[in-house]
Amino acid sequence: MISEFISFGNITLKLNLPEKTAGKNLYADFFCDERVPDYVFNFSFCDCLGKPDNECVSYDFDEFIVEKNENGCRYFYKNRGCHGFYAVRKHVYGSDVIDVRLDRSISGRLWTRIILNTIGIEEIAVRKGGVIFHSSFIEKDGKAVLFTGPCSVGKSTQANLWNINRGTPVINGDKTYLYPDNGAVYASGLPFSGSSGICKNKWMPLDFIVKLEKAENNAVRKLSSADAFFTVLNSCYVPFGLGAQVSEIGGLIAQKSRICCLSCLPDGSAVETLEKYMQKEKNQ
């Protein structure tokens, strides 16, 4: 058994693995020395993962099936392009120890990505009082600026424009871990990056959440309390059975954050427009 520790934001995970994983270097920033974990994951290989009990299946997602009973849930992770499953995660309610069984065919080619995909990071985030937020995340003056909105609206484009025109680092191109703490909201990088491939292990206070809209001219407006709440909620990943908790956490984040809408062009002029708005907000 090989024990590894992963840490980001206010979360530490202990991974007990049956063998070394490949591709660890891609997420090297997130591995850390031994420390007290919030959750322990016990991974093992299994010759037969079984099938969900149809009478207990609560939801069938694209990537996994959820089977719920009075004691907890089992998550069956689907093989893409073929039948069957490659992993089953079992979580007993109230326990901080989680078992994950892996199909034995994976042995010898166990990628770190497979391990990360099966830990249910969205659920862990909520149980720690935070949320996984769909956004591109840049660091500006030691604080986080997040670009959010529907798919293909230009989140990565705006983050890259800030990097090119202002030298602001991109911390994550696709996801952010947001969590309130001591009256403030913090943003943390995650070992998940979507197609951008950018994922750095840094955490910092949240400065602005910027909802993006495509437009023929650049303009920024401050969102009302209701629009800010729905902007946050629409960008949160909602784990199975935890919708009420996500709504509560999202409401707190919206209440404590500066949230605006940027209607913009996909060029450097959008950077200048948003920069002027943010400076004006800070001076008030």
Protein backbone atom coordinates (compact mmCIF):
# COMPACT_ATOMS: atom_id res chain seq x y z
CA MET A 1 0.00 0.00 0.00
CA ILE A 2 1.28 3.45 -0.99
CA SER A 3 0.04 6.53 0.88
CA GLU A 4 -0.08 9.93 -0.81
CA PHE A 5 -1.37 13.26 0.47
CA ILE A 6 -3.04 15.95 -1.62
CA SER A 7 -3.84 19.44 -0.34
CA PHE A 8 -5.54 22.55 -1.77
CA GLY A 9 -7.37 25.42 -0.09
CA ASN A 10 -8.58 24.18 3.30
CA ILE A 11 -8.77 20.50 2.24
CA THR A 12 -6.28 17.68 2.74
CA LEU A 13 -6.86 14.16 1.41
CA LYS A 14 -5.00 10.95 2.18
CA LEU A 15 -4.93 8.44 -0.68
CA ASN A 16 -4.06 4.84 0.15
CA LEU A 17 -3.17 3.35 -3.23
CA PRO A 18 -2.53 -0.27 -4.28
CA GLU A 19 0.35 0.76 -6.59
CA LYS A 20 2.21 3.77 -7.92
CA THR A 21 0.31 5.99 -10.32
CA ALA A 22 1.46 7.37 -13.66
CA GLY A 23 1.14 11.04 -14.60
CA LYS A 24 1.69 12.31 -11.06
CA ASN A 25 4.06 15.02 -12.31
CA LEU A 26 1.14 16.81 -13.97
CA TYR A 27 -0.29 17.52 -10.51
CA ALA A 28 2.94 17.68 -8.51
CA ASP A 29 2.02 21.02 -6.88
CA PHE A 30 -0.93 19.39 -5.14
CA PHE A 31 0.94 16.52 -3.50
CA CYS A 32 2.25 17.33 -0.03
CA ASP A 33 3.99 15.87 3.00
CA GLU A 34 2.03 13.82 5.51
CA ARG A 35 -0.50 15.82 7.52
CA VAL A 36 -3.87 15.32 9.23
CA PRO A 37 -6.38 14.62 6.45
CA ASP A 38 -10.01 15.65 6.19
CA TYR A 39 -10.84 12.47 4.29
CA VAL A 40 -9.08 9.14 3.77
CA PHE A 41 -9.57 7.22 0.53
CA ASN A 42 -8.77 3.51 0.48
CA PHE A 43 -8.27 2.28 -3.10
CA SER A 44 -8.11 -1.40 -4.02
CA PHE A 45 -8.32 -3.59 -7.11
CA CYS A 46 -11.27 -5.90 -7.58
CA ASP A 47 -11.99 -8.68 -10.09
CA CYS A 48 -15.73 -7.95 -10.17
CA LEU A 49 -17.16 -4.50 -9.41
CA GLY A 50 -20.74 -5.70 -9.70
CA LYS A 51 -23.67 -3.65 -10.92
CA PRO A 52 -25.99 -1.07 -9.36
CA ASP A 53 -29.17 -2.31 -7.74
CA ASN A 54 -31.82 -0.94 -10.09
CA GLU A 55 -34.25 -0.54 -7.21
CA CYS A 56 -31.77 1.76 -5.43
CA VAL A 57 -30.51 3.79 -8.40
CA SER A 58 -31.28 7.45 -7.73
CA TYR A 59 -29.65 9.06 -10.74
CA ASP A 60 -27.86 8.13 -13.96
CA PHE A 61 -25.30 10.78 -14.97
CA ASP A 62 -23.16 10.73 -18.11
CA GLU A 63 -20.06 9.68 -16.16
CA PHE A 64 -21.47 7.66 -13.27
CA ILE A 65 -24.54 6.08 -11.72
CA VAL A 66 -25.60 6.85 -8.14
CA GLU A 67 -27.05 4.09 -5.99
CA LYS A 68 -28.50 5.31 -2.69
CA ASN A 69 -29.62 3.39 0.40
CA GLU A 70 -30.24 4.21 4.05
CA ASN A 71 -26.52 4.00 4.92
CA GLY A 72 -24.95 5.99 2.10
CA CYS A 73 -24.26 6.03 -1.62
CA ARG A 74 -22.31 4.06 -4.17
CA TYR A 75 -21.01 5.72 -7.32
CA PHE A 76 -20.40 3.47 -10.35
CA TYR A 77 -18.01 5.13 -12.81
CA LYS A 78 -18.73 4.23 -16.42
CA ASN A 79 -16.24 3.03 -19.02
CA ARG A 80 -16.43 5.46 -21.90
CA GLY A 81 -17.36 3.91 -25.21
CA CYS A 82 -18.15 0.46 -23.78
CA HIS A 83 -20.24 -1.32 -21.18
CA GLY A 84 -19.34 -1.80 -17.56
CA PHE A 85 -17.56 0.26 -14.94
CA TYR A 86 -13.95 1.01 -14.05
CA ALA A 87 -14.49 2.07 -10.42
CA VAL A 88 -17.01 2.06 -7.59
CA ARG A 89 -16.84 4.62 -4.76
CA LYS A 90 -18.69 3.85 -1.54
CA HIS A 91 -19.43 6.63 0.93
CA VAL A 92 -21.12 5.82 4.23
CA TYR A 93 -22.98 8.82 5.66
CA GLY A 94 -21.02 10.60 8.38
CA SER A 95 -17.76 8.78 7.68
CA ASP A 96 -14.50 10.45 6.67
CA VAL A 97 -13.14 7.16 5.29
CA ILE A 98 -14.17 6.34 1.73
CA ASP A 99 -13.57 3.08 -0.15
CA VAL A 100 -12.93 3.01 -3.89
CA ARG A 101 -12.69 -0.27 -5.76
CA LEU A 102 -10.94 -0.25 -9.15
CA ASP A 103 -11.32 -2.76 -11.94
CA ARG A 104 -8.25 -5.02 -11.89
CA SER A 105 -7.69 -4.44 -15.61
CA ILE A 106 -6.38 -0.98 -14.65
CA SER A 107 -3.50 -2.49 -12.66
CA GLY A 108 -0.16 -1.56 -14.21
CA ARG A 109 -1.61 1.47 -15.94
CA LEU A 110 -3.15 3.35 -13.03
CA TRP A 111 -3.07 7.05 -13.89
CA THR A 112 -3.31 9.79 -11.28
CA ARG A 113 -6.12 11.25 -13.39
CA ILE A 114 -8.21 8.10 -12.75
CA ILE A 115 -7.71 8.47 -8.98
CA LEU A 116 -8.68 12.14 -9.04
CA ASN A 117 -11.76 11.46 -11.15
CA THR A 118 -13.14 8.99 -8.61
CA ILE A 119 -12.76 10.93 -5.33
CA GLY A 120 -15.90 13.06 -5.86
CA ILE A 121 -14.21 16.43 -5.34
CA GLU A 122 -17.52 18.30 -5.76
CA GLU A 123 -19.01 16.44 -2.80
CA ILE A 124 -15.90 16.90 -0.64
CA ALA A 125 -15.93 20.65 -1.33
CA VAL A 126 -19.52 21.04 -0.16
CA ARG A 127 -18.96 18.96 2.97
CA LYS A 128 -16.05 21.29 3.81
CA GLY A 129 -18.30 24.33 3.41
CA GLY A 130 -17.26 25.33 -0.11
CA VAL A 131 -18.17 24.74 -3.75
CA ILE A 132 -16.47 23.86 -7.01
CA PHE A 133 -17.04 26.85 -9.28
CA HIS A 134 -16.98 26.70 -13.09
CA SER A 135 -14.64 29.55 -14.00
CA SER A 136 -11.28 30.68 -15.30
CA PHE A 137 -9.18 31.96 -12.40
CA ILE A 138 -6.49 34.64 -12.61
CA GLU A 139 -4.41 36.26 -9.89
CA LYS A 140 -4.42 40.06 -9.87
CA ASP A 141 -2.49 41.91 -7.16
CA GLY A 142 -2.52 38.86 -4.90
CA LYS A 143 -6.28 38.33 -5.20
CA ALA A 144 -8.52 36.15 -7.34
CA VAL A 145 -10.57 37.35 -10.30
CA LEU A 146 -12.88 34.70 -11.73
CA PHE A 147 -14.46 34.70 -15.19
CA THR A 148 -17.67 32.68 -15.37
CA GLY A 149 -20.61 32.15 -17.69
CA PRO A 150 -22.02 29.53 -20.07
CA CYS A 151 -19.83 27.24 -22.16
CA SER A 152 -17.99 28.92 -25.05
CA VAL A 153 -18.68 32.44 -23.74
CA GLY A 154 -14.94 33.18 -23.57
CA LYS A 155 -13.79 32.47 -20.01
CA SER A 156 -10.39 31.14 -21.04
CA THR A 157 -10.08 33.86 -23.69
CA GLN A 158 -10.53 36.67 -21.15
CA ALA A 159 -8.15 35.01 -18.69
CA ASN A 160 -5.51 34.68 -21.42
CA LEU A 161 -6.04 38.31 -22.51
CA TRP A 162 -5.25 39.45 -18.96
CA ASN A 163 -2.17 37.26 -18.97
CA ILE A 164 -0.96 38.66 -22.29
CA ASN A 165 -1.84 42.32 -21.67
CA ARG A 166 -1.25 42.65 -17.91
CA GLY A 167 0.95 39.68 -17.03
CA THR A 168 -1.58 38.28 -14.56
CA PRO A 169 -1.00 34.54 -13.95
CA VAL A 170 -3.73 32.08 -14.85
CA ILE A 171 -4.23 29.78 -11.85
CA ASN A 172 -6.84 27.48 -13.38
CA GLY A 173 -8.49 27.52 -16.76
CA ASP A 174 -11.71 25.73 -15.86
CA LYS A 175 -12.50 25.25 -12.15
CA THR A 176 -12.03 27.02 -8.82
CA TYR A 177 -12.63 25.89 -5.26
CA LEU A 178 -14.48 28.71 -3.44
CA TYR A 179 -14.95 28.66 0.33
CA PRO A 180 -16.01 31.24 2.94
CA ASP A 181 -13.71 31.53 5.94
CA ASN A 182 -13.69 34.04 8.82
CA GLY A 183 -16.00 36.47 7.04
CA ALA A 184 -14.14 36.41 3.73
CA VAL A 185 -14.28 34.26 0.59
CA TYR A 186 -11.19 32.44 -0.71
CA ALA A 187 -10.40 30.95 -4.10
CA SER A 188 -8.14 27.95 -4.55
CA GLY A 189 -6.69 26.17 -7.53
CA LEU A 190 -7.59 22.52 -8.12
CA PRO A 191 -5.91 19.48 -9.71
CA PHE A 192 -8.52 19.69 -12.48
CA SER A 193 -8.19 21.98 -15.46
CA GLY A 194 -10.49 20.94 -18.30
CA SER A 195 -9.04 21.46 -21.77
CA SER A 196 -6.86 24.41 -20.69
CA GLY A 197 -4.28 22.20 -18.96
CA ILE A 198 -3.60 25.00 -16.44
CA CYS A 199 -3.93 24.06 -12.75
CA LYS A 200 -1.76 25.69 -10.08
CA ASN A 201 -1.96 25.06 -6.35
CA LYS A 202 -2.48 28.58 -5.04
CA TRP A 203 -5.16 30.06 -2.81
CA MET A 204 -5.97 33.71 -2.15
CA PRO A 205 -8.82 36.07 -1.20
CA LEU A 206 -11.52 36.50 -3.83
CA ASP A 207 -11.66 39.97 -5.38
CA PHE A 208 -14.19 39.84 -8.23
CA ILE A 209 -16.49 37.37 -9.96
CA VAL A 210 -17.05 38.47 -13.56
CA LYS A 211 -19.98 37.06 -15.50
CA LEU A 212 -19.24 37.20 -19.22
CA GLU A 213 -21.52 38.00 -22.14
CA LYS A 214 -20.52 38.26 -25.79
CA ALA A 215 -21.23 41.69 -27.29
CA GLU A 216 -20.22 44.10 -30.05
CA ASN A 217 -19.09 46.68 -27.48
CA ASN A 218 -17.46 46.52 -24.06
CA ALA A 219 -19.53 47.45 -21.01
CA VAL A 220 -19.61 46.51 -17.33
CA ARG A 221 -22.49 46.62 -14.90
CA LYS A 222 -22.82 45.70 -11.26
CA LEU A 223 -25.28 42.87 -10.68
CA SER A 224 -28.23 43.13 -8.33
CA SER A 225 -28.29 40.89 -5.27
CA ALA A 226 -30.68 38.48 -6.99
CA ASP A 227 -28.67 38.35 -10.23
CA ALA A 228 -25.45 37.89 -8.25
CA PHE A 229 -26.95 34.94 -6.37
CA PHE A 230 -28.14 33.22 -9.55
CA THR A 231 -24.80 33.91 -11.27
CA VAL A 232 -22.99 32.12 -8.45
CA LEU A 233 -25.50 29.29 -8.22
CA ASN A 234 -25.53 28.66 -11.97
CA SER A 235 -21.74 28.20 -11.94
CA CYS A 236 -21.59 25.85 -8.94
CA TYR A 237 -21.26 22.11 -9.39
CA VAL A 238 -24.12 20.51 -7.46
CA PRO A 239 -23.30 17.02 -6.11
CA PHE A 240 -26.08 14.49 -5.84
CA GLY A 241 -28.25 15.14 -2.78
CA LEU A 242 -26.47 18.34 -1.72
CA GLY A 243 -28.46 20.98 -3.57
CA ALA A 244 -29.70 22.72 -0.42
CA GLN A 245 -26.16 23.01 0.97
CA VAL A 246 -24.84 24.39 -2.34
CA SER A 247 -27.62 26.98 -2.38
CA GLU A 248 -26.77 28.08 1.16
CA ILE A 249 -23.02 28.29 0.49
CA GLY A 250 -23.61 30.01 -2.87
CA GLY A 251 -25.82 32.60 -1.19
CA LEU A 252 -23.11 33.37 1.34
CA ILE A 253 -20.48 33.70 -1.40
CA ALA A 254 -22.74 36.02 -3.43
CA GLN A 255 -23.44 38.16 -0.37
CA LYS A 256 -19.75 38.62 0.44
CA SER A 257 -18.39 39.05 -3.09
CA ARG A 258 -18.11 41.77 -5.71
CA ILE A 259 -19.91 40.45 -8.78
CA CYS A 260 -20.34 42.18 -12.12
CA CYS A 261 -21.29 41.41 -15.70
CA LEU A 262 -18.84 42.16 -18.52
CA SER A 263 -20.31 42.42 -22.00
CA CYS A 264 -17.22 42.24 -24.13
CA LEU A 265 -15.23 41.71 -27.26
CA PRO A 266 -12.57 38.97 -27.38
CA ASP A 267 -9.64 41.40 -27.44
CA GLY A 268 -7.48 43.59 -25.21
CA SER A 269 -10.05 46.39 -25.09
CA ALA A 270 -12.13 44.22 -22.75
CA VAL A 271 -9.22 44.12 -20.31
CA GLU A 272 -9.02 47.90 -20.19
CA THR A 273 -12.79 48.24 -19.68
CA LEU A 274 -12.90 45.76 -16.81
CA GLU A 275 -9.75 47.17 -15.24
CA LYS A 276 -11.25 50.66 -15.07
CA TYR A 277 -14.45 49.31 -13.54
CA MET A 278 -12.62 47.31 -10.86
CA GLN A 279 -10.47 50.29 -9.92
CA LYS A 280 -13.55 52.51 -9.64
CA GLU A 281 -15.27 49.93 -7.39
CA LYS A 282 -12.24 49.76 -5.11
CA ASN A 283 -12.06 53.54 -4.81
CA GLN A 284 -15.67 53.86 -3.65
